[in-house]
Protein backbone atom coordinates (compact mmCIF):
# COMPACT_ATOMS: atom_id res chain seq x y z
CA MET A 1 -23.90 -2.75 -14.45
CA LEU A 2 -21.61 -0.14 -13.68
CA MET A 3 -17.99 -0.73 -13.99
CA MET A 4 -15.52 0.58 -11.21
CA ASN A 5 -13.95 3.06 -13.48
CA ASP A 6 -17.22 4.33 -14.50
CA LEU A 7 -18.69 5.11 -11.00
CA GLY A 8 -16.61 8.31 -10.46
CA SER A 9 -17.58 9.92 -13.76
CA MET A 10 -21.24 8.83 -13.21
CA ALA A 11 -21.38 10.56 -9.72
CA ALA A 12 -19.68 13.44 -11.11
CA GLY A 13 -22.25 13.95 -13.90
CA MET A 14 -25.28 13.53 -12.09
CA MET A 15 -26.00 17.23 -11.19
CA PRO A 16 -24.97 19.38 -14.09
CA PHE A 17 -25.34 23.37 -13.63
CA ASP A 18 -26.96 25.30 -16.41
CA PRO A 19 -25.42 28.96 -16.50
CA MET A 20 -28.23 30.01 -18.22
CA CYS A 21 -30.84 29.26 -15.58
CA GLY A 22 -28.49 30.03 -12.62
CA SER A 23 -30.94 32.47 -10.97
CA ILE A 24 -33.57 29.92 -11.17
CA TYR A 25 -31.58 27.21 -9.47
CA GLU A 26 -29.38 29.06 -6.97
CA GLN A 27 -31.77 29.07 -3.93
CA GLN A 28 -33.03 25.43 -4.75
CA PRO A 29 -32.54 22.61 -2.20
CA PRO A 30 -29.25 20.58 -2.58
CA LYS A 31 -29.70 17.75 -5.40
CA PRO A 32 -29.31 14.17 -4.57
CA ARG A 33 -25.77 13.03 -4.39
CA PHE A 34 -24.37 9.56 -5.21
CA ILE A 35 -21.21 9.12 -2.62
CA PHE A 36 -19.02 6.16 -3.55
CA LYS A 37 -16.36 5.50 -1.21
CA MET A 38 -12.91 4.93 -2.65
CA PRO A 39 -12.26 1.14 -2.53
CA ARG A 40 -9.30 -0.31 -0.28
CA VAL A 41 -8.42 -2.80 -2.87
CA VAL A 42 -8.16 -3.31 -6.46
CA PRO A 43 -10.40 -6.10 -8.14
CA ASP A 44 -7.89 -8.61 -8.85
CA GLN A 45 -5.36 -8.36 -5.90
CA LYS A 46 -3.54 -11.74 -6.58
CA ASN A 47 -2.70 -10.93 -10.13
CA LYS A 48 -1.44 -7.33 -9.21
CA PHE A 49 0.79 -8.80 -6.50
CA GLU A 50 2.26 -11.31 -8.96
CA THR A 51 2.65 -9.13 -11.85
CA ASP A 52 3.43 -5.73 -10.44
CA GLU A 53 7.23 -5.14 -10.60
CA LEU A 54 7.62 -3.80 -7.03
CA PHE A 55 5.63 -6.50 -5.38
CA ARG A 56 7.69 -9.10 -7.29
CA ARG A 57 10.92 -7.45 -5.86
CA LEU A 58 9.45 -7.05 -2.50
CA SER A 59 8.34 -10.68 -2.25
CA ARG A 60 11.80 -11.90 -2.29
CA GLU A 61 13.69 -12.09 0.89
CA SER A 62 16.01 -9.01 1.22
CA ASP A 63 17.85 -6.74 3.70
CA VAL A 64 15.89 -4.60 5.90
CA ARG A 65 16.67 -2.08 8.43
CA TYR A 66 15.07 -0.03 11.19
CA THR A 67 14.55 3.57 10.27
CA GLY A 68 13.25 5.17 13.18
CA TYR A 69 15.09 8.01 15.30
CA ARG A 70 17.96 8.09 12.89
CA ASP A 71 19.40 11.02 14.28
CA ARG A 72 19.77 9.70 17.62
CA PRO A 73 22.70 7.65 19.20
CA HIS A 74 22.74 3.88 18.23
CA GLU A 75 22.12 2.77 21.97
CA GLU A 76 18.99 4.95 22.16
CA ARG A 77 17.73 3.74 18.92
CA GLN A 78 18.06 0.07 20.26
CA SER A 79 15.90 0.96 23.05
CA ARG A 80 13.39 2.83 20.87
CA PHE A 81 13.33 -0.17 18.66
CA GLN A 82 12.12 -2.62 21.44
CA ILE A 83 9.68 -0.15 22.91
CA GLY A 84 8.22 0.29 19.55
CA CYS A 85 7.82 -3.44 18.99
CA ARG A 86 6.22 -3.60 22.33
CA GLU A 87 3.93 -0.91 21.78
CA GLY A 88 2.82 -2.35 18.28
CA HIS A 89 4.60 -0.22 15.61
CA VAL A 90 8.01 -0.29 13.64
CA ASP A 91 9.46 1.76 11.05
CA ILE A 92 11.53 -0.19 8.54
CA ALA A 93 12.64 0.11 4.83
CA PHE A 94 13.76 -2.35 2.22
CA THR A 95 17.58 -1.64 1.53
CA ALA A 96 17.66 -2.46 -2.04
CA THR A 97 14.60 -0.44 -2.97
CA GLY A 98 14.18 2.09 -0.22
CA THR A 99 10.66 1.22 0.04
CA ASN A 100 9.51 2.41 3.77
CA LEU A 101 6.91 0.58 5.72
CA GLN A 102 5.32 1.16 8.89
CA LEU A 103 4.59 -2.25 10.63
CA MET A 104 1.61 -2.27 12.96
CA PHE A 105 0.47 -4.75 15.26
CA THR A 106 -1.70 -4.90 18.53
CA PRO A 107 0.25 -3.51 21.42
CA ASN A 108 1.98 -5.85 23.56
CA MET A 109 1.95 -4.54 27.04
CA PRO A 110 2.47 -5.72 29.94
CA ILE A 111 5.70 -7.08 28.14
CA PRO A 112 5.51 -10.91 27.54
CA SER A 113 8.14 -12.31 25.17
CA TYR A 114 5.51 -13.57 22.58
CA HIS A 115 2.45 -11.63 21.27
CA GLN A 116 -0.16 -12.87 18.56
CA SER A 117 -3.21 -11.15 17.26
CA ALA A 118 -5.29 -10.56 14.10
CA ASN A 119 -3.00 -7.74 13.25
CA GLY A 120 0.12 -9.63 13.48
CA THR A 121 2.79 -11.02 15.74
CA CYS A 122 5.79 -9.95 17.83
CA ASN A 123 8.14 -12.83 18.99
CA PHE A 124 11.43 -12.26 20.79
CA GLU A 125 11.85 -15.85 22.10
CA LYS A 126 12.08 -17.43 18.57
CA GLU A 127 15.67 -16.60 18.07
CA ARG A 128 18.16 -15.42 20.67
CA GLY A 129 18.97 -11.68 19.88
CA MET A 130 16.51 -11.34 17.15
CA VAL A 131 12.71 -10.36 17.06
CA HIS A 132 10.52 -11.90 14.52
CA ILE A 133 7.58 -9.99 13.16
CA LEU A 134 4.53 -10.40 11.32
CA SER A 135 2.27 -7.49 10.08
CA HIS A 136 -0.84 -7.27 7.95
CA PHE A 137 -1.64 -4.34 5.92
CA ILE A 138 -3.06 -3.18 2.64
CA MET A 139 -0.38 -1.87 0.18
CA ASN A 140 -1.30 -0.18 -3.09
CA GLY A 141 -4.81 -1.95 -3.24
CA VAL A 142 -3.48 -5.41 -2.43
CA CYS A 143 -3.77 -7.32 1.11
CA VAL A 144 -0.08 -8.22 2.13
CA ARG A 145 1.74 -9.37 5.16
CA TRP A 146 5.27 -8.63 5.86
CA LYS A 147 7.20 -11.22 7.39
CA GLY A 148 10.83 -11.20 8.87
CA ARG A 149 13.50 -10.89 11.65
CA ILE A 150 15.51 -7.84 12.98
CA ASP A 151 18.64 -8.09 15.03
CA LEU A 152 18.02 -6.43 18.25
CA ASP A 153 21.54 -5.08 18.50
CA LYS A 154 22.44 -4.23 14.70
CA LEU A 155 18.85 -3.10 14.10
CA ASP A 156 18.93 -4.69 10.54
CA GLY A 157 17.80 -8.11 9.17
CA ILE A 158 15.78 -9.98 6.48
CA GLY A 159 12.20 -9.78 5.44
CA CYS A 160 9.77 -9.91 2.58
CA LEU A 161 6.30 -9.39 1.54
CA GLU A 162 3.65 -12.24 1.03
CA PHE A 163 0.34 -12.08 -0.60
CA ASP A 164 -2.47 -12.39 2.10
CA GLU A 165 -4.94 -14.62 0.38
CA GLU A 166 -7.38 -14.99 3.42
CA ARG A 167 -7.87 -11.19 4.12
CA ALA A 168 -7.83 -10.68 0.28
CA MET A 169 -10.99 -12.84 0.21
CA ILE A 170 -12.61 -10.69 2.97
CA GLU A 171 -11.81 -7.36 1.38
CA ASN A 172 -13.02 -8.39 -2.12
CA ARG A 173 -16.42 -9.43 -0.59
CA MET A 174 -16.57 -6.05 1.09
CA LEU A 175 -15.63 -4.43 -2.29
CA GLN A 176 -18.58 -6.28 -4.07
CA GLU A 177 -20.99 -5.48 -1.58
CA GLN A 178 -19.89 -1.94 -1.78
CA ILE A 179 -20.36 -1.63 -5.51
CA GLU A 180 -23.61 -3.72 -5.50
CA ARG A 181 -24.96 -1.06 -3.10
CA TYR A 182 -24.00 1.76 -5.18
CA ASN A 183 -25.52 0.02 -8.32
CA ASP A 184 -28.85 -0.54 -6.39
CA ARG A 185 -28.94 3.28 -5.56
CA ILE A 186 -28.42 4.19 -9.36
CA ARG A 187 -31.14 1.66 -10.28
CA GLU A 188 -33.68 3.01 -7.60
CA TYR A 189 -33.20 6.61 -8.77
CA GLN A 190 -33.38 5.53 -12.55
CA ASP A 191 -36.44 3.63 -11.81
CA LYS A 192 -38.51 6.71 -10.35
CA PRO A 193 -40.78 8.60 -12.59
CA ARG A 194 -39.11 11.67 -14.16
CA GLY A 195 -41.78 13.88 -12.06
CA TYR A 196 -40.79 12.32 -8.95
CA ARG A 197 -37.25 12.83 -9.57
CA ASN A 198 -37.67 16.44 -10.54
CA GLN A 199 -39.48 17.06 -7.46
CA GLU A 200 -36.82 15.42 -5.35
CA ARG A 201 -34.18 17.63 -6.98
CA GLY A 202 -36.42 20.72 -6.25
CA ILE A 203 -37.50 21.51 -9.72
CA THR A 204 -40.89 22.27 -10.57
CA ASP A 205 -42.77 22.19 -13.87
CA SER A 206 -42.73 26.03 -14.11
CA ASP A 207 -39.03 25.72 -13.70
CA LEU A 208 -38.72 23.30 -16.39
CA ASP A 209 -40.91 25.50 -18.62
CA VAL A 210 -38.77 28.67 -18.25
CA LYS A 211 -35.67 26.40 -18.92
CA ARG A 212 -37.07 25.22 -22.09
CA ARG A 213 -37.77 28.74 -23.12
CA LEU A 214 -34.43 30.35 -22.28
CA ASN A 215 -32.61 27.40 -24.15
CA TYR A 216 -35.14 27.86 -27.03
């Protein structure tokens, strides 16, 4: 069974080109390719979240600030921030590390004071003068959620990252299915008779005979 770090090299090595026989193969049909989509998550998300230094720092509650429209007057930024919250996107940064995040959640329009969806929450009612935000996303191959609150006047607040175990399980199941489908295609190709594989790749017996003589 192939491991994840073997898949890229396997796919790249499936179609060698022989420069001595370039004239034979130049006009042949494209050879079969095995496309492996880049995984969205790492195999052991929880371990990475608990041991990675960046995640360990961001998992502690710390100061955050709104980073949108920094070249505009403060009053305009306040308005832009609230509009962004109600449209479903906010740009923030952790003050201590300088880590920038774009928090995304389902747009909240028309404007009720509270909105919750599968992508996150935006709550203007929980605390006077503050907005509480919850946003789910994948960061460095790990499913996480950002949870915090931001002052509507000062445009700063407190927040942290948490490991999103439920979504991590979903993404991990999708990853395993993706790898299994790829391995099935490799096994299917390897189980085909050699003659059929050559025919599928556009190589005839006469081509192989010429290639053997040239190599000889």
